[in-house]
N, C-alpha and C. Protein backbone atom coordinates (compact mmCIF):
# COMPACT_ATOMS: atom_id res chain seq x y z
N UNK A 1 -27.25 31.59 -53.86
CA UNK A 1 -26.99 32.27 -52.72
C UNK A 1 -24.99 32.66 -53.21
N UNK A 2 -24.84 33.77 -52.50
CA UNK A 2 -23.78 34.50 -53.17
C UNK A 2 -22.42 33.63 -52.52
N UNK A 3 -21.23 33.74 -53.20
CA UNK A 3 -20.15 33.16 -52.77
C UNK A 3 -19.79 33.25 -51.36
N UNK A 4 -20.12 34.85 -50.37
CA UNK A 4 -19.80 35.05 -49.12
C UNK A 4 -20.98 34.49 -48.27
N UNK A 5 -21.92 33.87 -48.92
CA UNK A 5 -23.21 33.13 -47.71
C UNK A 5 -22.49 31.82 -47.91
N UNK A 6 -22.22 30.91 -48.78
CA UNK A 6 -21.22 30.04 -48.97
C UNK A 6 -20.20 29.90 -48.03
N UNK A 7 -19.30 30.71 -47.94
CA UNK A 7 -18.01 30.87 -47.17
C UNK A 7 -18.10 30.61 -45.65
N UNK A 8 -19.10 31.90 -45.33
CA UNK A 8 -19.69 31.64 -43.54
C UNK A 8 -20.66 30.51 -43.59
N UNK A 9 -21.41 29.71 -44.57
CA UNK A 9 -21.57 28.43 -43.80
C UNK A 9 -20.56 27.51 -43.75
N UNK A 10 -20.10 27.54 -45.00
CA UNK A 10 -18.40 26.57 -44.43
C UNK A 10 -17.48 26.71 -43.46
N UNK A 11 -17.65 28.27 -42.69
CA UNK A 11 -17.25 28.48 -41.39
C UNK A 11 -17.63 27.84 -40.30
N UNK A 12 -19.36 28.16 -40.39
CA UNK A 12 -19.96 27.88 -39.47
C UNK A 12 -19.77 26.62 -39.60
N UNK A 13 -20.45 24.91 -40.34
CA UNK A 13 -20.06 24.21 -40.59
C UNK A 13 -19.15 23.66 -39.79
N UNK A 14 -18.25 24.51 -40.07
CA UNK A 14 -16.50 23.89 -39.92
C UNK A 14 -16.39 24.44 -38.20
N UNK A 15 -16.66 25.26 -37.88
CA UNK A 15 -17.00 25.99 -36.52
C UNK A 15 -17.40 24.77 -35.47
N UNK A 16 -18.78 24.03 -35.60
CA UNK A 16 -19.57 23.33 -34.96
C UNK A 16 -19.30 21.93 -35.05
N UNK A 17 -18.25 21.41 -36.21
CA UNK A 17 -17.99 20.58 -36.11
C UNK A 17 -16.59 20.44 -34.95
N UNK A 18 -15.89 21.19 -35.44
CA UNK A 18 -14.60 22.00 -34.05
C UNK A 18 -15.45 21.67 -32.83
N UNK A 19 -16.35 22.04 -32.59
CA UNK A 19 -16.83 22.12 -31.17
C UNK A 19 -17.23 20.50 -30.64
N UNK A 20 -18.16 20.16 -31.83
CA UNK A 20 -18.63 18.59 -31.38
C UNK A 20 -17.23 17.84 -30.82
N UNK A 21 -16.29 18.02 -32.11
CA UNK A 21 -15.04 17.26 -31.93
C UNK A 21 -14.60 17.37 -30.60
N UNK A 22 -14.28 18.65 -30.18
CA UNK A 22 -13.60 18.59 -28.97
C UNK A 22 -14.41 18.12 -27.94
N UNK A 23 -15.87 18.08 -27.87
CA UNK A 23 -16.54 17.56 -26.77
C UNK A 23 -16.44 16.26 -26.60
N UNK A 24 -16.39 15.20 -27.90
CA UNK A 24 -16.46 14.03 -27.86
C UNK A 24 -14.90 13.68 -27.55
N UNK A 25 -13.93 14.53 -27.76
CA UNK A 25 -12.70 14.27 -27.52
C UNK A 25 -12.09 14.27 -25.88
N UNK A 26 -13.44 15.02 -25.21
CA UNK A 26 -13.55 15.36 -23.68
C UNK A 26 -14.18 14.37 -23.14
N UNK A 27 -15.27 13.70 -23.81
CA UNK A 27 -16.41 12.43 -23.47
C UNK A 27 -15.14 11.91 -22.74
N UNK A 28 -14.22 11.10 -24.38
CA UNK A 28 -13.40 10.19 -24.10
C UNK A 28 -12.49 10.22 -23.25
N UNK A 29 -11.98 11.26 -23.05
CA UNK A 29 -11.21 11.11 -21.51
C UNK A 29 -11.35 10.70 -20.89
N UNK A 30 -12.61 11.41 -20.45
CA UNK A 30 -13.21 11.58 -18.97
C UNK A 30 -13.94 9.92 -18.80
N UNK A 31 -14.27 8.95 -20.03
CA UNK A 31 -15.15 8.70 -19.47
C UNK A 31 -13.91 7.46 -19.45
N UNK A 32 -12.36 7.34 -20.42
CA UNK A 32 -11.39 6.36 -20.21
C UNK A 32 -10.64 6.78 -18.47
N UNK A 33 -10.80 7.69 -17.80
CA UNK A 33 -10.60 7.74 -16.58
C UNK A 33 -11.83 6.82 -15.97
N UNK A 34 -12.92 7.47 -16.00
CA UNK A 34 -13.99 6.94 -14.52
C UNK A 34 -13.91 4.95 -15.24
N UNK A 35 -13.20 4.45 -16.42
CA UNK A 35 -12.95 3.49 -16.53
C UNK A 35 -11.67 2.54 -15.72
N UNK A 36 -10.97 3.58 -15.87
CA UNK A 36 -9.83 3.45 -15.45
C UNK A 36 -9.43 3.33 -13.24
N UNK A 37 -10.11 4.54 -13.09
CA UNK A 37 -10.24 4.31 -11.80
C UNK A 37 -10.90 4.05 -11.25
N UNK A 38 -12.30 3.82 -11.90
CA UNK A 38 -13.85 3.00 -11.33
C UNK A 38 -14.34 3.97 -9.82
N UNK A 39 -14.41 3.53 -8.86
CA UNK A 39 -15.01 4.15 -7.56
C UNK A 39 -13.77 5.38 -7.13
N UNK A 40 -12.21 5.23 -7.46
CA UNK A 40 -11.76 6.00 -7.44
C UNK A 40 -12.41 7.56 -7.83
N UNK A 41 -12.59 7.14 -9.10
CA UNK A 41 -12.58 8.34 -10.12
C UNK A 41 -13.83 9.53 -9.25
N UNK A 42 -15.29 8.32 -8.90
CA UNK A 42 -16.35 8.62 -8.49
C UNK A 42 -16.10 9.85 -6.53
N UNK A 43 -14.99 9.06 -6.19
CA UNK A 43 -15.08 9.20 -5.03
C UNK A 43 -14.71 11.16 -5.02
N UNK A 44 -13.36 10.80 -5.65
CA UNK A 44 -12.86 12.12 -5.83
C UNK A 44 -13.54 12.88 -6.30
N UNK A 45 -14.23 13.10 -7.01
CA UNK A 45 -15.46 13.96 -7.69
C UNK A 45 -16.70 14.36 -6.60
N UNK A 46 -16.79 13.31 -5.92
CA UNK A 46 -17.38 13.77 -5.12
C UNK A 46 -17.42 14.59 -3.79
N UNK A 47 -15.81 14.41 -3.48
CA UNK A 47 -15.06 15.15 -2.64
C UNK A 47 -14.96 16.81 -2.47
N UNK A 48 -16.07 16.89 -3.74
CA UNK A 48 -16.27 18.42 -3.97
C UNK A 48 -15.47 19.08 -4.16
N UNK A 49 -14.58 18.48 -4.88
CA UNK A 49 -13.00 19.31 -5.96
C UNK A 49 -13.59 19.04 -7.08
N UNK A 50 -12.68 20.47 -7.91
CA UNK A 50 -13.30 20.90 -9.23
C UNK A 50 -13.07 19.07 -10.18
N UNK A 51 -13.96 19.03 -11.03
CA UNK A 51 -13.95 17.95 -11.66
C UNK A 51 -12.28 17.84 -12.33
N UNK A 52 -12.14 19.04 -13.24
CA UNK A 52 -10.85 19.47 -14.14
C UNK A 52 -9.48 18.92 -13.16
N UNK A 53 -10.34 19.56 -11.70
CA UNK A 53 -8.51 19.43 -11.21
C UNK A 53 -8.75 17.75 -10.75
N UNK A 54 -9.71 17.33 -10.41
CA UNK A 54 -9.78 16.05 -10.18
C UNK A 54 -9.39 15.07 -11.68
N UNK A 55 -9.34 15.09 -12.81
CA UNK A 55 -9.39 14.30 -13.53
C UNK A 55 -7.72 14.79 -13.70
N UNK A 56 -7.45 16.07 -14.05
CA UNK A 56 -5.58 16.30 -13.64
C UNK A 56 -5.36 16.11 -12.97
N UNK A 57 -5.39 15.65 -12.04
CA UNK A 57 -4.96 14.86 -10.32
C UNK A 57 -4.50 13.48 -11.23
N UNK A 58 -6.22 12.85 -12.06
CA UNK A 58 -5.86 11.55 -11.92
C UNK A 58 -4.91 11.43 -13.21
N UNK A 59 -4.72 11.94 -14.01
CA UNK A 59 -3.94 11.76 -15.39
C UNK A 59 -2.52 11.67 -14.61
N UNK A 60 -2.22 12.98 -14.06
CA UNK A 60 -0.81 12.79 -13.74
C UNK A 60 -0.21 11.29 -12.80
N UNK A 61 -1.40 11.03 -12.17
CA UNK A 61 -1.42 9.67 -11.48
C UNK A 61 -0.66 8.35 -12.43
N UNK A 62 -1.50 8.82 -13.68
CA UNK A 62 -1.19 7.67 -14.33
C UNK A 62 -0.05 7.80 -15.75
N UNK A 63 0.52 8.84 -14.85
CA UNK A 63 1.52 9.45 -15.82
C UNK A 63 2.95 8.96 -15.03
N UNK A 64 2.72 9.05 -13.80
CA UNK A 64 3.50 8.59 -12.73
C UNK A 64 3.22 6.88 -13.03
N UNK A 65 2.46 6.55 -12.95
CA UNK A 65 2.45 5.00 -12.41
C UNK A 65 2.97 4.61 -13.90
N UNK A 66 3.20 5.44 -14.99
CA UNK A 66 3.37 4.73 -16.68
C UNK A 66 5.25 4.62 -16.23
N UNK A 67 5.43 5.55 -15.10
CA UNK A 67 6.91 4.99 -15.44
C UNK A 67 7.17 4.15 -14.11
N UNK A 68 6.60 3.71 -13.91
CA UNK A 68 6.66 2.34 -12.89
C UNK A 68 7.25 1.05 -13.29
N UNK A 69 8.01 0.53 -12.92
CA UNK A 69 9.15 -1.04 -13.59
C UNK A 69 7.95 -1.77 -12.62
N UNK A 70 6.81 -2.08 -13.06
CA UNK A 70 5.90 -3.13 -12.64
C UNK A 70 5.63 -4.31 -12.97
N UNK A 71 6.01 -5.57 -12.11
CA UNK A 71 6.42 -6.98 -12.94
C UNK A 71 4.94 -7.54 -12.56
N UNK A 72 5.31 -8.61 -12.94
CA UNK A 72 4.43 -10.20 -12.68
C UNK A 72 5.17 -11.00 -11.58
N UNK A 73 4.73 -11.37 -10.41
CA UNK A 73 5.20 -12.25 -9.96
C UNK A 73 5.81 -13.68 -10.50
N UNK A 74 6.91 -14.33 -10.37
CA UNK A 74 6.79 -15.91 -10.84
C UNK A 74 5.89 -16.86 -9.83
N UNK A 75 6.07 -17.66 -10.39
CA UNK A 75 4.08 -19.07 -10.13
C UNK A 75 4.61 -18.87 -9.16
N UNK A 76 6.34 -19.00 -8.02
CA UNK A 76 7.13 -19.58 -7.38
C UNK A 76 6.37 -18.61 -6.41
N UNK A 77 6.56 -17.54 -6.38
CA UNK A 77 6.66 -16.16 -5.63
C UNK A 77 4.84 -16.50 -5.13
N UNK A 78 4.30 -16.19 -6.54
CA UNK A 78 3.18 -16.18 -6.12
C UNK A 78 2.44 -16.78 -5.33
N UNK A 79 3.28 -18.47 -5.50
CA UNK A 79 2.65 -19.48 -4.48
C UNK A 79 3.02 -19.05 -2.75
N UNK A 80 4.12 -18.34 -3.08
CA UNK A 80 4.37 -18.36 -1.22
C UNK A 80 4.19 -17.63 -0.75
N UNK A 81 3.59 -16.32 -1.69
CA UNK A 81 2.72 -14.99 -1.10
C UNK A 81 0.98 -16.04 -0.48
N UNK A 82 0.72 -16.83 -1.28
CA UNK A 82 -0.55 -17.10 -1.02
C UNK A 82 -0.36 -18.00 0.51
N UNK A 83 0.65 -19.12 0.06
CA UNK A 83 0.59 -19.70 1.61
C UNK A 83 1.16 -18.66 2.78
N UNK A 84 1.41 -17.43 2.81
CA UNK A 84 1.79 -16.46 3.56
C UNK A 84 0.54 -15.83 4.40
N UNK A 85 -0.26 -15.75 3.16
CA UNK A 85 -1.74 -15.01 3.62
C UNK A 85 -2.51 -16.01 4.66
N UNK A 86 -2.61 -17.86 4.01
CA UNK A 86 -3.02 -18.35 4.46
C UNK A 86 -2.61 -18.48 6.06
N UNK A 87 -1.58 -18.32 6.41
CA UNK A 87 -0.44 -18.74 7.78
C UNK A 87 -1.36 -16.94 8.22
N UNK A 88 -1.30 -15.91 7.79
CA UNK A 88 -1.81 -14.51 8.19
C UNK A 88 -3.43 -14.87 8.63
N UNK A 89 -3.63 -15.31 7.93
CA UNK A 89 -5.43 -15.72 8.38
C UNK A 89 -5.14 -16.80 9.36
N UNK A 90 -4.49 -17.93 9.61
CA UNK A 90 -5.07 -18.78 10.57
C UNK A 90 -4.15 -18.10 11.99
N UNK A 91 -3.39 -17.10 12.13
CA UNK A 91 -2.87 -16.39 12.94
C UNK A 91 -3.85 -15.25 13.58
N UNK A 92 -4.99 -14.94 12.63
CA UNK A 92 -6.04 -14.20 13.33
C UNK A 92 -6.71 -14.97 14.53
N UNK A 93 -7.26 -16.17 14.65
CA UNK A 93 -7.68 -16.83 15.66
C UNK A 93 -7.08 -16.60 17.11
N UNK A 94 -5.76 -16.38 16.87
CA UNK A 94 -5.34 -16.36 18.59
C UNK A 94 -5.14 -15.03 19.11
N UNK A 95 -4.35 -14.14 17.49
CA UNK A 95 -4.19 -12.81 17.95
C UNK A 95 -4.80 -11.86 16.93
N UNK A 96 -5.65 -11.55 17.03
CA UNK A 96 -6.45 -10.96 15.92
C UNK A 96 -5.19 -9.89 15.63
N UNK A 97 -5.13 -8.78 16.20
CA UNK A 97 -4.73 -7.19 16.29
C UNK A 97 -3.29 -7.72 15.50
N UNK A 98 -2.50 -8.42 15.98
CA UNK A 98 -1.04 -9.29 15.41
C UNK A 98 -1.47 -9.88 13.84
N UNK A 99 -2.46 -10.01 13.61
CA UNK A 99 -2.38 -10.76 12.10
C UNK A 99 -2.90 -9.64 11.11
N UNK A 100 -4.28 -8.28 11.62
CA UNK A 100 -4.20 -7.01 10.49
C UNK A 100 -2.67 -6.82 10.70
N UNK A 101 -1.93 -6.25 11.66
CA UNK A 101 -0.79 -5.98 11.22
C UNK A 101 0.25 -6.85 10.36
N UNK A 102 0.03 -8.37 10.57
CA UNK A 102 0.55 -8.89 9.07
C UNK A 102 0.12 -8.75 8.18
N UNK A 103 -0.81 -8.54 8.23
CA UNK A 103 -1.74 -8.73 6.83
C UNK A 103 -1.15 -7.52 6.16
N UNK A 104 -0.95 -6.23 6.66
CA UNK A 104 -0.52 -4.85 5.93
C UNK A 104 0.85 -5.02 5.70
N UNK A 105 1.51 -5.85 6.63
CA UNK A 105 3.38 -5.80 6.09
C UNK A 105 3.00 -6.70 4.94
N UNK A 106 2.22 -7.87 4.83
CA UNK A 106 2.19 -8.72 3.56
C UNK A 106 1.95 -7.84 2.21
N UNK A 107 0.54 -7.12 2.30
CA UNK A 107 -0.03 -6.32 1.20
C UNK A 107 1.96 -5.21 0.97
N UNK A 108 2.31 -4.43 2.03
CA UNK A 108 3.16 -3.98 1.66
C UNK A 108 4.22 -4.44 0.74
N UNK A 109 4.17 -5.79 1.25
CA UNK A 109 5.40 -6.60 0.62
C UNK A 109 4.98 -7.02 -0.42
N UNK A 110 3.94 -7.00 -1.03
CA UNK A 110 3.60 -7.54 -2.05
C UNK A 110 3.66 -6.09 -3.59
N UNK A 111 3.53 -5.10 -2.69
CA UNK A 111 3.14 -3.95 -3.37
C UNK A 111 4.63 -3.98 -4.17
N UNK A 112 5.55 -4.03 -3.16
CA UNK A 112 7.26 -3.65 -3.43
C UNK A 112 7.67 -4.21 -4.13
N UNK A 113 6.97 -6.44 -3.87
CA UNK A 113 7.88 -6.71 -4.82
C UNK A 113 7.21 -6.87 -6.15
N UNK A 114 5.89 -6.07 -6.79
CA UNK A 114 5.53 -6.18 -7.58
C UNK A 114 6.12 -5.05 -8.41
N UNK A 115 6.90 -3.97 -7.93
CA UNK A 115 7.14 -3.18 -7.89
C UNK A 115 5.97 -1.16 -7.72
N UNK A 116 5.67 -1.38 -6.93
CA UNK A 116 5.58 -0.24 -6.20
C UNK A 116 5.87 0.25 -5.32
N UNK A 117 5.81 1.84 -5.36
CA UNK A 117 6.42 2.47 -4.23
C UNK A 117 5.93 2.32 -3.21
N UNK A 118 6.26 2.23 -2.10
CA UNK A 118 5.76 1.78 -0.60
C UNK A 118 6.50 2.48 0.29
N UNK A 119 6.84 4.12 -0.06
CA UNK A 119 7.18 4.68 0.98
C UNK A 119 5.66 5.63 1.11
N UNK A 120 5.26 5.52 2.56
CA UNK A 120 4.25 6.60 2.80
C UNK A 120 3.05 6.15 1.99
N UNK A 121 1.58 5.98 2.62
CA UNK A 121 0.63 5.79 2.68
C UNK A 121 -0.48 6.10 1.89
N UNK A 122 -0.38 7.47 1.52
CA UNK A 122 -1.53 8.81 0.28
C UNK A 122 -0.28 8.39 -0.54
N UNK A 123 1.17 8.19 -0.30
CA UNK A 123 1.83 7.83 -2.43
C UNK A 123 1.40 6.09 -2.81
N UNK A 124 1.36 5.37 -1.74
CA UNK A 124 0.70 3.96 -2.22
C UNK A 124 -0.88 4.14 -2.38
N UNK A 125 -1.53 4.61 -1.82
CA UNK A 125 -3.07 5.00 -2.41
C UNK A 125 -2.91 5.50 -3.57
N UNK A 126 -2.03 6.98 -4.28
CA UNK A 126 -1.91 7.57 -5.43
C UNK A 126 -1.52 6.59 -6.85
N UNK A 127 -0.60 5.56 -5.82
CA UNK A 127 -0.42 4.39 -7.22
C UNK A 127 -1.26 3.65 -7.25
N UNK A 128 -1.28 2.45 -6.39
CA UNK A 128 -2.83 2.00 -6.65
C UNK A 128 -3.40 1.79 -7.30
N UNK A 129 -4.40 3.29 -6.85
CA UNK A 129 -5.23 3.96 -7.84
C UNK A 129 -5.69 3.52 -8.95
N UNK A 130 -4.69 4.06 -9.98
CA UNK A 130 -5.01 3.33 -11.59
C UNK A 130 -4.71 1.81 -11.67
N UNK A 131 -4.46 0.65 -11.19
CA UNK A 131 -4.51 -0.27 -12.00
C UNK A 131 -5.52 -0.95 -10.50
N UNK A 132 -6.09 -0.33 -9.37
CA UNK A 132 -6.46 -0.90 -8.41
C UNK A 132 -7.63 -0.32 -7.95
N UNK A 133 -8.16 0.72 -8.31
CA UNK A 133 -9.45 1.54 -8.04
C UNK A 133 -10.52 1.14 -7.28
N UNK A 134 -10.76 -0.81 -7.97
CA UNK A 134 -11.85 -1.56 -7.72
C UNK A 134 -11.66 -1.68 -6.39
N UNK A 135 -10.32 -2.02 -5.45
CA UNK A 135 -10.26 -2.27 -4.67
C UNK A 135 -9.50 -1.55 -3.90
N UNK A 136 -9.34 -0.24 -4.09
CA UNK A 136 -9.08 0.94 -2.96
C UNK A 136 -9.66 1.45 -1.90
N UNK A 137 -10.79 1.12 -1.76
CA UNK A 137 -11.50 1.62 -0.90
C UNK A 137 -11.38 -0.02 0.24
N UNK A 138 -11.45 -0.85 -0.41
CA UNK A 138 -10.87 -1.77 0.65
C UNK A 138 -9.48 -1.58 1.40
N UNK A 139 -8.73 -1.26 0.97
CA UNK A 139 -6.92 -0.71 1.20
C UNK A 139 -7.37 0.10 2.26
N UNK A 140 -8.34 1.66 1.67
CA UNK A 140 -8.41 2.53 3.25
C UNK A 140 -9.03 2.12 4.05
N UNK A 141 -9.75 1.05 3.97
CA UNK A 141 -10.93 0.84 5.22
C UNK A 141 -9.66 -0.19 5.94
N UNK A 142 -9.16 -1.07 5.39
CA UNK A 142 -7.99 -1.73 6.57
C UNK A 142 -7.05 -0.96 7.04
N UNK A 143 -6.73 0.31 6.07
CA UNK A 143 -5.50 1.11 6.65
C UNK A 143 -5.86 1.32 8.24
N UNK A 144 -7.32 2.13 8.00
CA UNK A 144 -8.16 3.08 8.90
C UNK A 144 -8.55 2.08 10.38
N UNK A 145 -8.47 0.90 9.76
CA UNK A 145 -8.75 -0.28 10.77
C UNK A 145 -7.86 -0.78 11.77
N UNK A 146 -6.51 -0.41 11.14
CA UNK A 146 -5.04 -1.01 11.33
C UNK A 146 -4.76 -0.02 12.45
N UNK A 147 -4.71 1.11 12.23
CA UNK A 147 -4.22 2.32 12.98
C UNK A 147 -4.72 2.14 14.08
N UNK A 148 -6.57 2.20 13.86
CA UNK A 148 -7.28 2.04 15.22
C UNK A 148 -7.08 0.64 16.27
N UNK A 149 -6.51 0.25 15.12
CA UNK A 149 -5.99 -1.78 16.22
C UNK A 149 -4.62 -0.74 16.81
N UNK A 150 -3.61 -0.12 16.41
CA UNK A 150 -2.72 0.33 16.90
C UNK A 150 -2.80 0.82 17.96
N UNK A 151 -3.88 1.53 17.97
CA UNK A 151 -4.27 2.53 19.52
C UNK A 151 -4.71 2.05 19.82
N UNK A 152 -5.37 0.57 20.29
CA UNK A 152 -6.09 -0.20 20.78
C UNK A 152 -7.47 -0.10 20.77
N UNK A 153 -8.23 0.81 19.83
CA UNK A 153 -9.78 1.00 19.82
C UNK A 153 -10.53 0.39 18.73
N UNK A 154 -9.56 -0.74 18.19
CA UNK A 154 -10.95 -1.66 17.24
C UNK A 154 -11.12 -2.88 17.94
N UNK A 155 -12.53 -3.33 17.57
CA UNK A 155 -13.16 -4.57 18.25
C UNK A 155 -12.48 -5.65 17.22
N UNK A 156 -12.63 -6.73 18.02
CA UNK A 156 -12.57 -7.78 17.48
C UNK A 156 -13.25 -7.58 15.95
N UNK A 157 -14.24 -7.49 15.87
CA UNK A 157 -15.25 -7.24 14.74
C UNK A 157 -14.77 -6.46 13.75
N UNK A 158 -14.21 -5.24 14.76
CA UNK A 158 -13.46 -3.81 13.49
C UNK A 158 -12.24 -4.73 12.57
N UNK A 159 -11.35 -5.68 13.81
CA UNK A 159 -10.47 -6.59 13.18
C UNK A 159 -10.42 -7.60 12.14
N UNK A 160 -12.06 -8.27 12.44
CA UNK A 160 -12.15 -9.12 10.95
C UNK A 160 -12.54 -8.58 10.25
N UNK A 161 -12.59 -7.94 9.57
CA UNK A 161 -13.35 -6.71 8.57
C UNK A 161 -12.23 -6.17 8.01
N UNK A 162 -11.39 -5.58 8.94
CA UNK A 162 -9.71 -5.27 7.97
C UNK A 162 -9.20 -6.42 7.30
N UNK A 163 -9.82 -7.41 8.09
CA UNK A 163 -8.47 -8.46 7.38
C UNK A 163 -9.58 -8.67 5.75
N UNK A 164 -10.79 -9.09 6.15
CA UNK A 164 -11.45 -8.77 4.90
C UNK A 164 -11.34 -8.06 3.72
N UNK A 165 -10.87 -6.93 4.25
CA UNK A 165 -10.19 -5.59 3.44
C UNK A 165 -8.91 -5.81 2.93
N UNK A 166 -7.96 -6.27 3.48
CA UNK A 166 -6.82 -6.56 2.93
C UNK A 166 -7.15 -7.97 2.68
N UNK A 167 -7.56 -8.34 2.19
CA UNK A 167 -8.12 -10.08 1.65
C UNK A 167 -7.87 -9.71 0.49
N UNK A 168 -9.27 -8.85 0.03
CA UNK A 168 -9.59 -7.92 -1.31
C UNK A 168 -8.02 -7.36 -1.89
N UNK A 169 -7.66 -6.78 -1.35
CA UNK A 169 -6.29 -6.07 -1.74
C UNK A 169 -5.13 -7.15 -2.64
N UNK A 170 -5.40 -7.33 -1.38
CA UNK A 170 -4.44 -8.84 -1.49
C UNK A 170 -4.51 -9.64 -2.89
N UNK A 171 -5.84 -10.25 -2.72
CA UNK A 171 -6.07 -11.30 -4.26
C UNK A 171 -6.36 -10.11 -5.75
N UNK A 172 -6.43 -8.79 -5.47
CA UNK A 172 -6.54 -8.09 -6.71
C UNK A 172 -4.98 -7.64 -6.69
N UNK A 173 -4.28 -7.52 -5.92
CA UNK A 173 -2.68 -7.72 -6.49
C UNK A 173 -2.05 -8.69 -7.07
N UNK A 174 -2.30 -9.91 -6.23
CA UNK A 174 -1.73 -11.20 -6.69
C UNK A 174 -2.64 -11.96 -8.18
N UNK A 175 -3.66 -11.30 -8.32
CA UNK A 175 -4.66 -11.60 -9.66
C UNK A 175 -3.62 -10.96 -10.64
N UNK A 176 -3.76 -9.56 -10.16
CA UNK A 176 -2.97 -8.87 -11.69
C UNK A 176 -1.78 -9.04 -12.30
N UNK A 177 -0.86 -9.57 -11.02
CA UNK A 177 0.28 -10.40 -11.33
C UNK A 177 0.14 -11.53 -11.93
N UNK A 178 -0.67 -12.22 -11.69
CA UNK A 178 -0.80 -13.42 -12.28
C UNK A 178 -1.06 -13.09 -13.89
N UNK A 179 -1.87 -12.23 -14.28
CA UNK A 179 -2.16 -12.01 -15.18
C UNK A 179 -1.63 -10.76 -16.23
N UNK A 180 -0.28 -10.05 -15.59
CA UNK A 180 0.26 -9.01 -16.06
C UNK A 180 1.32 -9.84 -17.17
């Protein structure tokens, strides 16, 4: 075999290895995003957006999230929040709409105390999606029902559902604070 043929084969092998390496790198990044964002990744991809644009947005969310000064709550604060949640649930029996509003306020305060920005719902969703992607749909559902309740368009059953959704988000925020 001539020297030129050997060089050509080596160049082809290096090219194939480079392509395989790039493909593996892309798959690992995609897998990381899927694991990190959970159902939020799937929701965004299924929304019809370009997968690359979705992944770019999720990486940007990660970058902004890493700039946050998130902190765990001290045990005493976690206990106080847990007691407040029990009081909100008990309030549901007498005033369901008010309890849903209180639940929303409590979740927002918990986010703020953990270090999440709380200015604007969309911004909250973007920041929560990084560590709380598995409960983010609960937050969306609760928020939507809360808006309907404010417009007096939610049934008691809707409000009960909102409380279940808020509880899932609340527990996730509180539990992750405990593990942090």
